[in-house]
Amino acid sequence: GLAVSGPGRLSLDHALGHAVNRNWMVPAAFAVTAAATTVVVGARNRRLRRAAEGRQETLFD
């Protein structure tokens, strides 16, 4: 639906007047997503490694 129809009257794009809809935003969004994914996967791998070594800290107090 949304991918085909695009932003409508009740969208953030319409509310902002497409002011933040720029050509550089797609590559920037992909870069930020890749960086965040790298951080999350790295943190998960560190936690799994520590758990396997038996020195895992508590996740919640």
Protein backbone atom coordinates (compact mmCIF):
# COMPACT_ATOMS: atom_id res chain seq x y z
CA GLY A 1 0.00 0.00 0.00
CA LEU A 2 2.24 2.82 1.25
CA ALA A 3 5.18 1.91 -0.98
CA VAL A 4 2.91 2.11 -4.02
CA SER A 5 0.75 5.08 -3.04
CA GLY A 6 3.41 7.23 -1.34
CA PRO A 7 2.81 9.69 1.50
CA GLY A 8 -0.75 10.92 1.82
CA ARG A 9 -2.52 13.82 3.55
CA LEU A 10 -2.03 12.31 7.01
CA SER A 11 1.71 11.68 6.68
CA LEU A 12 4.70 13.29 8.34
CA ASP A 13 6.00 14.28 4.89
CA HIS A 14 2.80 16.19 4.16
CA ALA A 15 2.76 17.81 7.62
CA LEU A 16 6.34 19.07 7.14
CA GLY A 17 5.68 20.17 3.58
CA HIS A 18 8.20 17.63 2.26
CA ALA A 19 10.90 19.83 3.81
CA VAL A 20 13.01 16.84 4.88
CA ASN A 21 12.41 14.82 1.71
CA ARG A 22 15.82 15.26 0.08
CA ASN A 23 17.92 13.11 -2.27
CA TRP A 24 20.66 12.55 0.31
CA MET A 25 18.25 11.12 2.89
CA VAL A 26 17.98 7.60 1.41
CA PRO A 27 21.74 6.90 1.48
CA ALA A 28 21.94 8.52 4.93
CA ALA A 29 19.11 6.31 6.21
CA PHE A 30 20.83 3.20 4.85
CA ALA A 31 24.13 4.24 6.46
CA VAL A 32 22.51 4.89 9.85
CA THR A 33 20.65 1.57 9.64
CA ALA A 34 23.87 -0.28 8.80
CA ALA A 35 25.73 1.40 11.68
CA ALA A 36 22.96 0.63 14.18
CA THR A 37 22.80 -2.98 13.00
CA THR A 38 26.56 -3.33 13.42
CA VAL A 39 26.38 -2.00 16.98
CA VAL A 40 23.49 -4.29 17.96
CA VAL A 41 25.02 -7.42 16.41
CA GLY A 42 28.39 -6.62 17.98
CA ALA A 43 26.83 -6.18 21.43
CA ARG A 44 24.94 -9.45 21.03
CA ASN A 45 28.10 -11.30 19.99
CA ARG A 46 30.02 -9.91 22.99
CA ARG A 47 27.21 -10.98 25.33
CA LEU A 48 27.10 -14.48 23.84
CA ARG A 49 30.90 -14.81 24.06
CA ARG A 50 30.87 -13.75 27.71
CA ALA A 51 28.01 -16.15 28.46
CA ALA A 52 29.97 -19.00 26.87
CA GLU A 53 33.02 -18.10 28.97
CA GLY A 54 30.89 -18.00 32.11
CA ARG A 55 31.47 -14.36 32.97
CA GLN A 56 28.21 -12.79 31.86
CA GLU A 57 26.98 -9.80 33.85
CA THR A 58 23.32 -9.41 34.74
CA LEU A 59 21.19 -7.84 32.06
CA PHE A 60 18.72 -6.25 34.49
CA ASP A 61 19.11 -5.44 38.18
